Amino acid sequence: MLGFSLGAMAIVLAFPTTSMFKVLAEEGREDSYYIDLASKFVHFILFQTAGLMYTLVIPAKFLLLLDLVGFWLLTYAVLMGLVVAVSLFGTARLYNHPGSH
């Protein structure tokens, strides 16, 4: 999942080479749709990495608190995938808009 997320973020970062970037960047605003989409990817990748590092560093010892933290990291990372997917769908709708060309 992390590899696909990094690949998708690379595609999002390639947007500046398209004419659609002007629409997404909203004339360089700090709260533009482009920055919002990129920040969602960074957040998604951060929690996937945290979950992976947690499973590598914390051995399974049947401690309920540690198990709950690991479960929370996994659940949150998967749900963030849904958030990023919806954001990408919004980007596709912008591309598909008749006035965007």
C-alpha atoms as a PDB file:
ATOM      1  CA  MET A   1       0.000   0.000   0.000  1.00  0.00           C
ATOM      2  CA  LEU A   2       2.859   2.362   0.784  1.00  0.00           C
ATOM      3  CA  GLY A   3       4.419   1.823  -2.643  1.00  0.00           C
ATOM      4  CA  PHE A   4       1.179   2.636  -4.442  1.00  0.00           C
ATOM      5  CA  SER A   5       0.741   5.743  -2.302  1.00  0.00           C
ATOM      6  CA  LEU A   6       4.223   6.979  -3.156  1.00  0.00           C
ATOM      7  CA  GLY A   7       3.592   6.324  -6.849  1.00  0.00           C
ATOM      8  CA  ALA A   8       0.299   8.208  -6.753  1.00  0.00           C
ATOM      9  CA  MET A   9       1.956  11.118  -4.965  1.00  0.00           C
ATOM     10  CA  ALA A  10       4.627  11.221  -7.665  1.00  0.00           C
ATOM     11  CA  ILE A  11       1.850  11.548 -10.235  1.00  0.00           C
ATOM     12  CA  VAL A  12       0.242  14.365  -8.238  1.00  0.00           C
ATOM     13  CA  LEU A  13       3.596  16.132  -8.063  1.00  0.00           C
ATOM     14  CA  ALA A  14       3.814  15.845 -11.860  1.00  0.00           C
ATOM     15  CA  PHE A  15       0.711  18.063 -12.216  1.00  0.00           C
ATOM     16  CA  PRO A  16       2.762  21.283 -12.607  1.00  0.00           C
ATOM     17  CA  THR A  17       3.668  20.152 -16.119  1.00  0.00           C
ATOM     18  CA  THR A  18       0.018  20.217 -17.247  1.00  0.00           C
ATOM     19  CA  SER A  19      -2.270  23.102 -18.128  1.00  0.00           C
ATOM     20  CA  MET A  20      -4.699  21.841 -15.493  1.00  0.00           C
ATOM     21  CA  PHE A  21      -2.195  22.877 -12.805  1.00  0.00           C
ATOM     22  CA  LYS A  22      -3.378  26.488 -13.081  1.00  0.00           C
ATOM     23  CA  VAL A  23      -6.851  25.396 -12.015  1.00  0.00           C
ATOM     24  CA  LEU A  24      -5.614  23.158  -9.177  1.00  0.00           C
ATOM     25  CA  ALA A  25      -3.049  25.640  -7.846  1.00  0.00           C
ATOM     26  CA  GLU A  26      -5.589  28.479  -7.702  1.00  0.00           C
ATOM     27  CA  GLU A  27      -2.948  31.067  -8.618  1.00  0.00           C
ATOM     28  CA  GLY A  28      -0.509  29.918  -5.943  1.00  0.00           C
ATOM     29  CA  ARG A  29      -2.812  30.201  -2.944  1.00  0.00           C
ATOM     30  CA  GLU A  30      -1.491  28.515   0.188  1.00  0.00           C
ATOM     31  CA  ASP A  31      -4.807  26.722   0.682  1.00  0.00           C
ATOM     32  CA  SER A  32      -5.222  25.632  -2.940  1.00  0.00           C
ATOM     33  CA  TYR A  33      -6.752  22.320  -3.956  1.00  0.00           C
ATOM     34  CA  TYR A  34      -3.315  21.147  -5.138  1.00  0.00           C
ATOM     35  CA  ILE A  35      -1.683  21.781  -1.746  1.00  0.00           C
ATOM     36  CA  ASP A  36      -4.659  20.158   0.005  1.00  0.00           C
ATOM     37  CA  LEU A  37      -4.341  17.034  -2.141  1.00  0.00           C
ATOM     38  CA  ALA A  38      -0.559  16.838  -1.651  1.00  0.00           C
ATOM     39  CA  SER A  39      -0.924  17.278   2.125  1.00  0.00           C
ATOM     40  CA  LYS A  40      -3.438  14.409   2.253  1.00  0.00           C
ATOM     41  CA  PHE A  41      -0.907  12.187   0.507  1.00  0.00           C
ATOM     42  CA  VAL A  42       1.841  13.198   2.949  1.00  0.00           C
ATOM     43  CA  HIS A  43      -0.479  12.485   5.897  1.00  0.00           C
ATOM     44  CA  PHE A  44      -1.457   9.110   4.401  1.00  0.00           C
ATOM     45  CA  ILE A  45       2.169   8.106   3.767  1.00  0.00           C
ATOM     46  CA  LEU A  46       3.249   9.313   7.226  1.00  0.00           C
ATOM     47  CA  PHE A  47       0.755   7.066   9.006  1.00  0.00           C
ATOM     48  CA  GLN A  48       1.482   4.083   6.764  1.00  0.00           C
ATOM     49  CA  THR A  49       5.160   4.475   7.599  1.00  0.00           C
ATOM     50  CA  ALA A  50       4.370   4.860  11.298  1.00  0.00           C
ATOM     51  CA  GLY A  51       2.330   1.668  11.199  1.00  0.00           C
ATOM     52  CA  LEU A  52       5.093  -0.246   9.428  1.00  0.00           C
ATOM     53  CA  MET A  53       7.761   1.044  11.799  1.00  0.00           C
ATOM     54  CA  TYR A  54       5.577   0.188  14.780  1.00  0.00           C
ATOM     55  CA  THR A  55       5.213  -3.418  13.643  1.00  0.00           C
ATOM     56  CA  LEU A  56       8.965  -3.703  13.060  1.00  0.00           C
ATOM     57  CA  VAL A  57      10.058  -2.112  16.340  1.00  0.00           C
ATOM     58  CA  ILE A  58       7.429  -3.233  18.851  1.00  0.00           C
ATOM     59  CA  PRO A  59       7.413  -7.024  19.243  1.00  0.00           C
ATOM     60  CA  ALA A  60       4.116  -8.772  19.899  1.00  0.00           C
ATOM     61  CA  LYS A  61       3.979  -9.327  23.670  1.00  0.00           C
ATOM     62  CA  PHE A  62       0.256  -9.645  24.302  1.00  0.00           C
ATOM     63  CA  LEU A  63       0.062  -6.193  25.877  1.00  0.00           C
ATOM     64  CA  LEU A  64      -3.398  -4.832  25.201  1.00  0.00           C
ATOM     65  CA  LEU A  65      -2.295  -1.195  24.977  1.00  0.00           C
ATOM     66  CA  LEU A  66       0.403  -1.961  22.403  1.00  0.00           C
ATOM     67  CA  ASP A  67      -2.040  -4.095  20.431  1.00  0.00           C
ATOM     68  CA  LEU A  68      -4.602  -1.294  20.432  1.00  0.00           C
ATOM     69  CA  VAL A  69      -2.046   1.251  19.231  1.00  0.00           C
ATOM     70  CA  GLY A  70      -1.040  -1.041  16.371  1.00  0.00           C
ATOM     71  CA  PHE A  71      -4.676  -1.694  15.454  1.00  0.00           C
ATOM     72  CA  TRP A  72      -5.413   2.050  15.534  1.00  0.00           C
ATOM     73  CA  LEU A  73      -2.446   2.806  13.238  1.00  0.00           C
ATOM     74  CA  LEU A  74      -3.564   0.150  10.760  1.00  0.00           C
ATOM     75  CA  THR A  75      -7.208   1.255  10.805  1.00  0.00           C
ATOM     76  CA  TYR A  76      -6.323   4.929  10.485  1.00  0.00           C
ATOM     77  CA  ALA A  77      -3.955   4.296   7.567  1.00  0.00           C
ATOM     78  CA  VAL A  78      -6.596   2.287   5.703  1.00  0.00           C
ATOM     79  CA  LEU A  79      -9.252   4.947   6.307  1.00  0.00           C
ATOM     80  CA  MET A  80      -6.841   7.632   5.091  1.00  0.00           C
ATOM     81  CA  GLY A  81      -6.658   5.632   1.869  1.00  0.00           C
ATOM     82  CA  LEU A  82     -10.374   6.251   1.477  1.00  0.00           C
ATOM     83  CA  VAL A  83      -9.899   9.989   2.070  1.00  0.00           C
ATOM     84  CA  VAL A  84      -7.149  10.190  -0.538  1.00  0.00           C
ATOM     85  CA  ALA A  85      -9.241   8.183  -3.016  1.00  0.00           C
ATOM     86  CA  VAL A  86     -12.132  10.632  -2.630  1.00  0.00           C
ATOM     87  CA  SER A  87      -9.716  13.539  -3.139  1.00  0.00           C
ATOM     88  CA  LEU A  88      -8.396  11.941  -6.309  1.00  0.00           C
ATOM     89  CA  PHE A  89     -11.973  11.504  -7.499  1.00  0.00           C
ATOM     90  CA  GLY A  90     -12.482  15.226  -6.933  1.00  0.00           C
ATOM     91  CA  THR A  91      -9.399  15.895  -9.040  1.00  0.00           C
ATOM     92  CA  ALA A  92     -10.794  13.678 -11.794  1.00  0.00           C
ATOM     93  CA  ARG A  93     -14.044  15.652 -11.701  1.00  0.00           C
ATOM     94  CA  LEU A  94     -12.053  18.869 -12.153  1.00  0.00           C
ATOM     95  CA  TYR A  95     -10.261  17.373 -15.142  1.00  0.00           C
ATOM     96  CA  ASN A  96     -13.572  16.254 -16.588  1.00  0.00           C
ATOM     97  CA  HIS A  97     -15.221  19.662 -16.194  1.00  0.00           C
ATOM     98  CA  PRO A  98     -16.013  21.138 -19.632  1.00  0.00           C
ATOM     99  CA  GLY A  99     -14.457  24.530 -18.831  1.00  0.00           C
ATOM    100  CA  SER A 100     -11.116  23.125 -17.688  1.00  0.00           C
ATOM    101  CA  HIS A 101      -9.600  22.690 -21.148  1.00  0.00           C
END
